[in-house]
């Protein structure tokens, strides 16, 4: 019953997870800015990856509603806090030293904070689900998965802008801004559960 939720979560927009490229055409100021942000970003990306993996592990059809509820609630709380910290990291770094950097930074911070609020609201909704009625609980999870899809597909333009051009190139070179895997031991089941591509395929 939790499969749709896991698929929606792994498809969500997460800051700088889409970055690629290793060119060196960014100047030192931009690289310094990117390093400051990415050093703070990495622990938060790890928390999001771990929360995602926790939800993935509760996707078995025989998972008890109460267990699913507890796992999802804790995961949404963790993701909400991570997004809030990501917003603070981008805010504290100041505007990137590029054209229109201040506007780009403010919009990214605004979006990250909005994501934090959205995940906190999802936690509240999960906490309110009726775990004693499996059918109602499954319907409630479906509604939450739909909400997750909305969060991940709307309003990510500011983050995409932050990840574009010279700033994006500089951030892509920083290890801290590269996509983490769940921190659990890499057993066969865990590594599969932590794979966004694997869960995204379930969505179809």
C-alpha atoms as a PDB file:
ATOM      1  CA  UNK A   1       0.000   0.000   0.000  1.00  0.00           C
ATOM      2  CA  UNK A   2       3.003   2.287   0.388  1.00  0.00           C
ATOM      3  CA  UNK A   3       4.436   1.746  -3.099  1.00  0.00           C
ATOM      4  CA  UNK A   4       2.834   4.828  -4.648  1.00  0.00           C
ATOM      5  CA  UNK A   5       4.072   6.943  -1.784  1.00  0.00           C
ATOM      6  CA  UNK A   6       7.628   5.659  -2.214  1.00  0.00           C
ATOM      7  CA  UNK A   7       7.516   6.231  -5.958  1.00  0.00           C
ATOM      8  CA  UNK A   8       6.171   9.760  -5.537  1.00  0.00           C
ATOM      9  CA  UNK A   9       8.785  10.594  -2.922  1.00  0.00           C
ATOM     10  CA  UNK A  10      11.703   9.374  -4.997  1.00  0.00           C
ATOM     11  CA  UNK A  11      10.428  11.408  -7.933  1.00  0.00           C
ATOM     12  CA  UNK A  12      10.409  14.572  -5.844  1.00  0.00           C
ATOM     13  CA  UNK A  13      12.581  17.529  -6.677  1.00  0.00           C
ATOM     14  CA  UNK A  14      15.606  17.652  -4.421  1.00  0.00           C
ATOM     15  CA  UNK A  15      18.153  20.437  -4.640  1.00  0.00           C
ATOM     16  CA  UNK A  16      21.134  19.792  -6.924  1.00  0.00           C
ATOM     17  CA  UNK A  17      20.475  16.090  -7.381  1.00  0.00           C
ATOM     18  CA  UNK A  18      20.225  16.621 -11.117  1.00  0.00           C
ATOM     19  CA  UNK A  19      23.607  18.251 -11.488  1.00  0.00           C
ATOM     20  CA  UNK A  20      26.234  16.811 -13.769  1.00  0.00           C
ATOM     21  CA  UNK A  21      29.330  18.044 -15.541  1.00  0.00           C
ATOM     22  CA  UNK A  22      32.887  18.755 -14.509  1.00  0.00           C
ATOM     23  CA  UNK A  23      33.974  21.745 -16.580  1.00  0.00           C
ATOM     24  CA  UNK A  24      36.255  24.315 -15.002  1.00  0.00           C
ATOM     25  CA  UNK A  25      34.908  27.506 -16.535  1.00  0.00           C
ATOM     26  CA  UNK A  26      33.521  28.850 -13.244  1.00  0.00           C
ATOM     27  CA  UNK A  27      35.615  31.525 -11.562  1.00  0.00           C
ATOM     28  CA  UNK A  28      37.007  31.227  -8.051  1.00  0.00           C
ATOM     29  CA  UNK A  29      34.292  33.340  -6.407  1.00  0.00           C
ATOM     30  CA  UNK A  30      31.540  31.161  -7.818  1.00  0.00           C
ATOM     31  CA  UNK A  31      33.431  28.011  -6.834  1.00  0.00           C
ATOM     32  CA  UNK A  32      33.890  29.328  -3.300  1.00  0.00           C
ATOM     33  CA  UNK A  33      30.173  30.084  -3.048  1.00  0.00           C
ATOM     34  CA  UNK A  34      29.280  26.642  -4.346  1.00  0.00           C
ATOM     35  CA  UNK A  35      31.611  24.956  -1.837  1.00  0.00           C
ATOM     36  CA  UNK A  36      30.110  26.887   1.077  1.00  0.00           C
ATOM     37  CA  UNK A  37      26.593  25.840   0.095  1.00  0.00           C
ATOM     38  CA  UNK A  38      27.402  22.248  -0.820  1.00  0.00           C
ATOM     39  CA  UNK A  39      29.332  21.556   2.383  1.00  0.00           C
ATOM     40  CA  UNK A  40      26.115  22.353   4.284  1.00  0.00           C
ATOM     41  CA  UNK A  41      23.853  20.676   1.763  1.00  0.00           C
ATOM     42  CA  UNK A  42      25.334  17.177   1.899  1.00  0.00           C
ATOM     43  CA  UNK A  43      24.126  16.172   5.397  1.00  0.00           C
ATOM     44  CA  UNK A  44      20.603  17.297   4.489  1.00  0.00           C
ATOM     45  CA  UNK A  45      20.587  15.397   1.197  1.00  0.00           C
ATOM     46  CA  UNK A  46      21.694  12.341   3.175  1.00  0.00           C
ATOM     47  CA  UNK A  47      18.752  12.755   5.553  1.00  0.00           C
ATOM     48  CA  UNK A  48      16.342  12.951   2.605  1.00  0.00           C
ATOM     49  CA  UNK A  49      17.865   9.855   0.991  1.00  0.00           C
ATOM     50  CA  UNK A  50      17.648   7.935   4.274  1.00  0.00           C
ATOM     51  CA  UNK A  51      14.017   8.983   4.832  1.00  0.00           C
ATOM     52  CA  UNK A  52      13.167   7.932   1.296  1.00  0.00           C
ATOM     53  CA  UNK A  53      14.794   4.539   1.900  1.00  0.00           C
ATOM     54  CA  UNK A  54      12.827   4.102   5.132  1.00  0.00           C
ATOM     55  CA  UNK A  55       9.561   4.596   3.257  1.00  0.00           C
ATOM     56  CA  UNK A  56      10.745   2.230   0.524  1.00  0.00           C
ATOM     57  CA  UNK A  57      11.263  -0.513   3.104  1.00  0.00           C
ATOM     58  CA  UNK A  58       7.632  -0.240   4.189  1.00  0.00           C
ATOM     59  CA  UNK A  59       6.245  -0.924   0.715  1.00  0.00           C
ATOM     60  CA  UNK A  60       5.442  -4.618   1.293  1.00  0.00           C
ATOM     61  CA  UNK A  61       1.773  -5.468   0.855  1.00  0.00           C
ATOM     62  CA  UNK A  62       1.744  -7.131   4.270  1.00  0.00           C
ATOM     63  CA  UNK A  63       3.135  -4.102   6.092  1.00  0.00           C
ATOM     64  CA  UNK A  64       0.983  -3.187   9.077  1.00  0.00           C
ATOM     65  CA  UNK A  65      -0.774   0.197   8.742  1.00  0.00           C
ATOM     66  CA  UNK A  66       0.535   1.341  12.133  1.00  0.00           C
ATOM     67  CA  UNK A  67       4.106   0.543  11.093  1.00  0.00           C
ATOM     68  CA  UNK A  68       3.673   2.317   7.776  1.00  0.00           C
ATOM     69  CA  UNK A  69       2.173   5.334   9.532  1.00  0.00           C
ATOM     70  CA  UNK A  70       5.024   5.574  12.041  1.00  0.00           C
ATOM     71  CA  UNK A  71       7.680   5.211   9.345  1.00  0.00           C
ATOM     72  CA  UNK A  72       6.110   7.712   6.967  1.00  0.00           C
ATOM     73  CA  UNK A  73       5.453  10.240   9.715  1.00  0.00           C
ATOM     74  CA  UNK A  74       9.082  10.136  10.880  1.00  0.00           C
ATOM     75  CA  UNK A  75      10.325  10.308   7.294  1.00  0.00           C
ATOM     76  CA  UNK A  76       8.217  13.352   6.420  1.00  0.00           C
ATOM     77  CA  UNK A  77       9.383  15.076   9.600  1.00  0.00           C
ATOM     78  CA  UNK A  78      13.005  14.375   8.668  1.00  0.00           C
ATOM     79  CA  UNK A  79      12.538  15.600   5.095  1.00  0.00           C
ATOM     80  CA  UNK A  80      10.761  18.750   6.300  1.00  0.00           C
ATOM     81  CA  UNK A  81      13.649  19.570   8.635  1.00  0.00           C
ATOM     82  CA  UNK A  82      16.161  18.842   5.881  1.00  0.00           C
ATOM     83  CA  UNK A  83      14.492  21.233   3.448  1.00  0.00           C
ATOM     84  CA  UNK A  84      14.391  23.919   6.117  1.00  0.00           C
ATOM     85  CA  UNK A  85      18.120  23.444   6.690  1.00  0.00           C
ATOM     86  CA  UNK A  86      18.754  23.543   2.925  1.00  0.00           C
ATOM     87  CA  UNK A  87      16.949  26.867   2.751  1.00  0.00           C
ATOM     88  CA  UNK A  88      19.040  28.179   5.627  1.00  0.00           C
ATOM     89  CA  UNK A  89      22.236  27.005   3.908  1.00  0.00           C
ATOM     90  CA  UNK A  90      21.441  28.813   0.663  1.00  0.00           C
ATOM     91  CA  UNK A  91      20.316  31.882   2.620  1.00  0.00           C
ATOM     92  CA  UNK A  92      23.421  32.059   4.810  1.00  0.00           C
ATOM     93  CA  UNK A  93      25.751  31.737   1.819  1.00  0.00           C
ATOM     94  CA  UNK A  94      24.435  34.994   0.418  1.00  0.00           C
ATOM     95  CA  UNK A  95      23.712  35.643  -3.264  1.00  0.00           C
ATOM     96  CA  UNK A  96      25.895  33.737  -5.739  1.00  0.00           C
ATOM     97  CA  UNK A  97      28.359  36.107  -7.481  1.00  0.00           C
ATOM     98  CA  UNK A  98      26.615  36.018 -10.846  1.00  0.00           C
ATOM     99  CA  UNK A  99      24.138  38.190 -12.725  1.00  0.00           C
ATOM    100  CA  UNK A 100      20.767  38.280 -10.960  1.00  0.00           C
ATOM    101  CA  UNK A 101      22.289  36.197  -8.162  1.00  0.00           C
ATOM    102  CA  UNK A 102      20.290  37.838  -5.383  1.00  0.00           C
ATOM    103  CA  UNK A 103      16.935  37.139  -7.030  1.00  0.00           C
ATOM    104  CA  UNK A 104      17.953  33.564  -7.821  1.00  0.00           C
ATOM    105  CA  UNK A 105      19.031  32.982  -4.228  1.00  0.00           C
ATOM    106  CA  UNK A 106      15.872  34.475  -2.695  1.00  0.00           C
ATOM    107  CA  UNK A 107      13.594  32.442  -4.935  1.00  0.00           C
ATOM    108  CA  UNK A 108      15.484  29.229  -4.141  1.00  0.00           C
ATOM    109  CA  UNK A 109      15.292  29.894  -0.388  1.00  0.00           C
ATOM    110  CA  UNK A 110      11.578  30.658  -0.674  1.00  0.00           C
ATOM    111  CA  UNK A 111      10.981  27.391  -2.523  1.00  0.00           C
ATOM    112  CA  UNK A 112      13.021  25.277  -0.111  1.00  0.00           C
ATOM    113  CA  UNK A 113      11.139  26.732   2.850  1.00  0.00           C
ATOM    114  CA  UNK A 114       7.831  26.079   1.085  1.00  0.00           C
ATOM    115  CA  UNK A 115       8.864  22.448   0.576  1.00  0.00           C
ATOM    116  CA  UNK A 116       9.677  22.186   4.270  1.00  0.00           C
ATOM    117  CA  UNK A 117       6.179  23.399   5.157  1.00  0.00           C
ATOM    118  CA  UNK A 118       4.592  21.043   2.612  1.00  0.00           C
ATOM    119  CA  UNK A 119       6.310  17.981   4.069  1.00  0.00           C
ATOM    120  CA  UNK A 120       5.369  19.046   7.601  1.00  0.00           C
ATOM    121  CA  UNK A 121       1.745  19.168   6.431  1.00  0.00           C
ATOM    122  CA  UNK A 122       2.097  15.671   4.959  1.00  0.00           C
ATOM    123  CA  UNK A 123       3.337  14.431   8.335  1.00  0.00           C
ATOM    124  CA  UNK A 124       0.206  15.871   9.952  1.00  0.00           C
ATOM    125  CA  UNK A 125      -1.985  14.118   7.378  1.00  0.00           C
ATOM    126  CA  UNK A 126      -0.229  10.782   7.866  1.00  0.00           C
ATOM    127  CA  UNK A 127      -0.595  11.089  11.633  1.00  0.00           C
ATOM    128  CA  UNK A 128      -4.353  11.602  11.191  1.00  0.00           C
ATOM    129  CA  UNK A 129      -4.931   8.449   9.096  1.00  0.00           C
ATOM    130  CA  UNK A 130      -7.087   5.647  10.494  1.00  0.00           C
ATOM    131  CA  UNK A 131      -4.781   2.652  10.881  1.00  0.00           C
ATOM    132  CA  UNK A 132      -7.587   0.367  12.117  1.00  0.00           C
ATOM    133  CA  UNK A 133      -9.352   0.381   8.743  1.00  0.00           C
ATOM    134  CA  UNK A 134      -6.912  -0.901   6.119  1.00  0.00           C
ATOM    135  CA  UNK A 135      -9.037   0.215   3.149  1.00  0.00           C
ATOM    136  CA  UNK A 136      -9.418   3.757   4.477  1.00  0.00           C
ATOM    137  CA  UNK A 137      -5.741   3.842   5.364  1.00  0.00           C
ATOM    138  CA  UNK A 138      -4.762   2.799   1.832  1.00  0.00           C
ATOM    139  CA  UNK A 139      -7.036   5.496   0.384  1.00  0.00           C
ATOM    140  CA  UNK A 140      -5.440   8.035   2.685  1.00  0.00           C
ATOM    141  CA  UNK A 141      -1.966   7.012   1.547  1.00  0.00           C
ATOM    142  CA  UNK A 142      -3.052   7.379  -2.079  1.00  0.00           C
ATOM    143  CA  UNK A 143      -4.189  10.951  -1.380  1.00  0.00           C
ATOM    144  CA  UNK A 144      -0.864  11.703   0.294  1.00  0.00           C
ATOM    145  CA  UNK A 145       0.993  10.234  -2.702  1.00  0.00           C
ATOM    146  CA  UNK A 146      -1.006  12.553  -4.949  1.00  0.00           C
ATOM    147  CA  UNK A 147       0.009  15.485  -2.748  1.00  0.00           C
ATOM    148  CA  UNK A 148       3.628  14.381  -2.995  1.00  0.00           C
ATOM    149  CA  UNK A 149       3.407  14.398  -6.776  1.00  0.00           C
ATOM    150  CA  UNK A 150       2.100  17.969  -6.687  1.00  0.00           C
ATOM    151  CA  UNK A 151       4.957  19.051  -4.427  1.00  0.00           C
ATOM    152  CA  UNK A 152       7.533  17.487  -6.729  1.00  0.00           C
ATOM    153  CA  UNK A 153       6.105  18.743 -10.020  1.00  0.00           C
ATOM    154  CA  UNK A 154       5.164  22.307  -9.131  1.00  0.00           C
ATOM    155  CA  UNK A 155       7.304  25.243  -8.175  1.00  0.00           C
ATOM    156  CA  UNK A 156      10.770  23.817  -8.805  1.00  0.00           C
ATOM    157  CA  UNK A 157      11.749  26.476 -11.332  1.00  0.00           C
ATOM    158  CA  UNK A 158      13.692  28.494  -8.770  1.00  0.00           C
ATOM    159  CA  UNK A 159      15.848  25.502  -7.883  1.00  0.00           C
ATOM    160  CA  UNK A 160      16.420  24.707 -11.533  1.00  0.00           C
ATOM    161  CA  UNK A 161      17.560  28.283 -12.058  1.00  0.00           C
ATOM    162  CA  UNK A 162      19.955  28.011  -9.128  1.00  0.00           C
ATOM    163  CA  UNK A 163      21.379  24.857 -10.708  1.00  0.00           C
ATOM    164  CA  UNK A 164      21.844  26.400 -14.129  1.00  0.00           C
ATOM    165  CA  UNK A 165      24.677  28.264 -15.798  1.00  0.00           C
ATOM    166  CA  UNK A 166      27.901  29.119 -14.022  1.00  0.00           C
ATOM    167  CA  UNK A 167      26.554  28.424 -10.528  1.00  0.00           C
ATOM    168  CA  UNK A 168      25.248  25.012 -11.571  1.00  0.00           C
ATOM    169  CA  UNK A 169      28.577  24.098 -13.105  1.00  0.00           C
ATOM    170  CA  UNK A 170      30.400  25.080  -9.914  1.00  0.00           C
ATOM    171  CA  UNK A 171      27.960  23.188  -7.694  1.00  0.00           C
ATOM    172  CA  UNK A 172      28.200  20.072  -9.863  1.00  0.00           C
ATOM    173  CA  UNK A 173      31.920  19.852  -9.088  1.00  0.00           C
ATOM    174  CA  UNK A 174      31.328  19.841  -5.339  1.00  0.00           C
ATOM    175  CA  UNK A 175      31.049  16.411  -3.761  1.00  0.00           C
ATOM    176  CA  UNK A 176      28.607  17.780  -1.214  1.00  0.00           C
ATOM    177  CA  UNK A 177      26.060  18.575  -3.904  1.00  0.00           C
ATOM    178  CA  UNK A 178      26.156  15.165  -5.530  1.00  0.00           C
ATOM    179  CA  UNK A 179      23.408  12.639  -4.956  1.00  0.00           C
ATOM    180  CA  UNK A 180      23.909  10.464  -1.873  1.00  0.00           C
ATOM    181  CA  UNK A 181      22.700   6.934  -1.334  1.00  0.00           C
ATOM    182  CA  UNK A 182      20.979   5.779   1.820  1.00  0.00           C
ATOM    183  CA  UNK A 183      23.476   5.337   4.633  1.00  0.00           C
ATOM    184  CA  UNK A 184      22.334   1.825   5.553  1.00  0.00           C
ATOM    185  CA  UNK A 185      24.587  -1.132   4.858  1.00  0.00           C
ATOM    186  CA  UNK A 186      24.451  -2.056   1.154  1.00  0.00           C
ATOM    187  CA  UNK A 187      22.621  -5.371   1.364  1.00  0.00           C
ATOM    188  CA  UNK A 188      20.776  -6.479  -1.743  1.00  0.00           C
ATOM    189  CA  UNK A 189      17.402  -5.371  -0.422  1.00  0.00           C
ATOM    190  CA  UNK A 190      18.617  -2.063   0.927  1.00  0.00           C
ATOM    191  CA  UNK A 191      20.485  -0.973  -2.172  1.00  0.00           C
ATOM    192  CA  UNK A 192      17.444  -1.680  -4.301  1.00  0.00           C
ATOM    193  CA  UNK A 193      15.145   0.152  -1.936  1.00  0.00           C
ATOM    194  CA  UNK A 194      17.330   3.215  -1.963  1.00  0.00           C
ATOM    195  CA  UNK A 195      17.369   3.443  -5.741  1.00  0.00           C
ATOM    196  CA  UNK A 196      15.105   6.214  -7.069  1.00  0.00           C
ATOM    197  CA  UNK A 197      15.138   4.677 -10.521  1.00  0.00           C
ATOM    198  CA  UNK A 198      13.875   1.387  -9.159  1.00  0.00           C
ATOM    199  CA  UNK A 199      11.011   2.995  -7.296  1.00  0.00           C
ATOM    200  CA  UNK A 200      10.170   5.391 -10.075  1.00  0.00           C
ATOM    201  CA  UNK A 201       9.510   2.440 -12.342  1.00  0.00           C
ATOM    202  CA  UNK A 202       6.843   1.224  -9.927  1.00  0.00           C
ATOM    203  CA  UNK A 203       5.004   4.460 -10.458  1.00  0.00           C
ATOM    204  CA  UNK A 204       3.978   3.560 -13.980  1.00  0.00           C
END
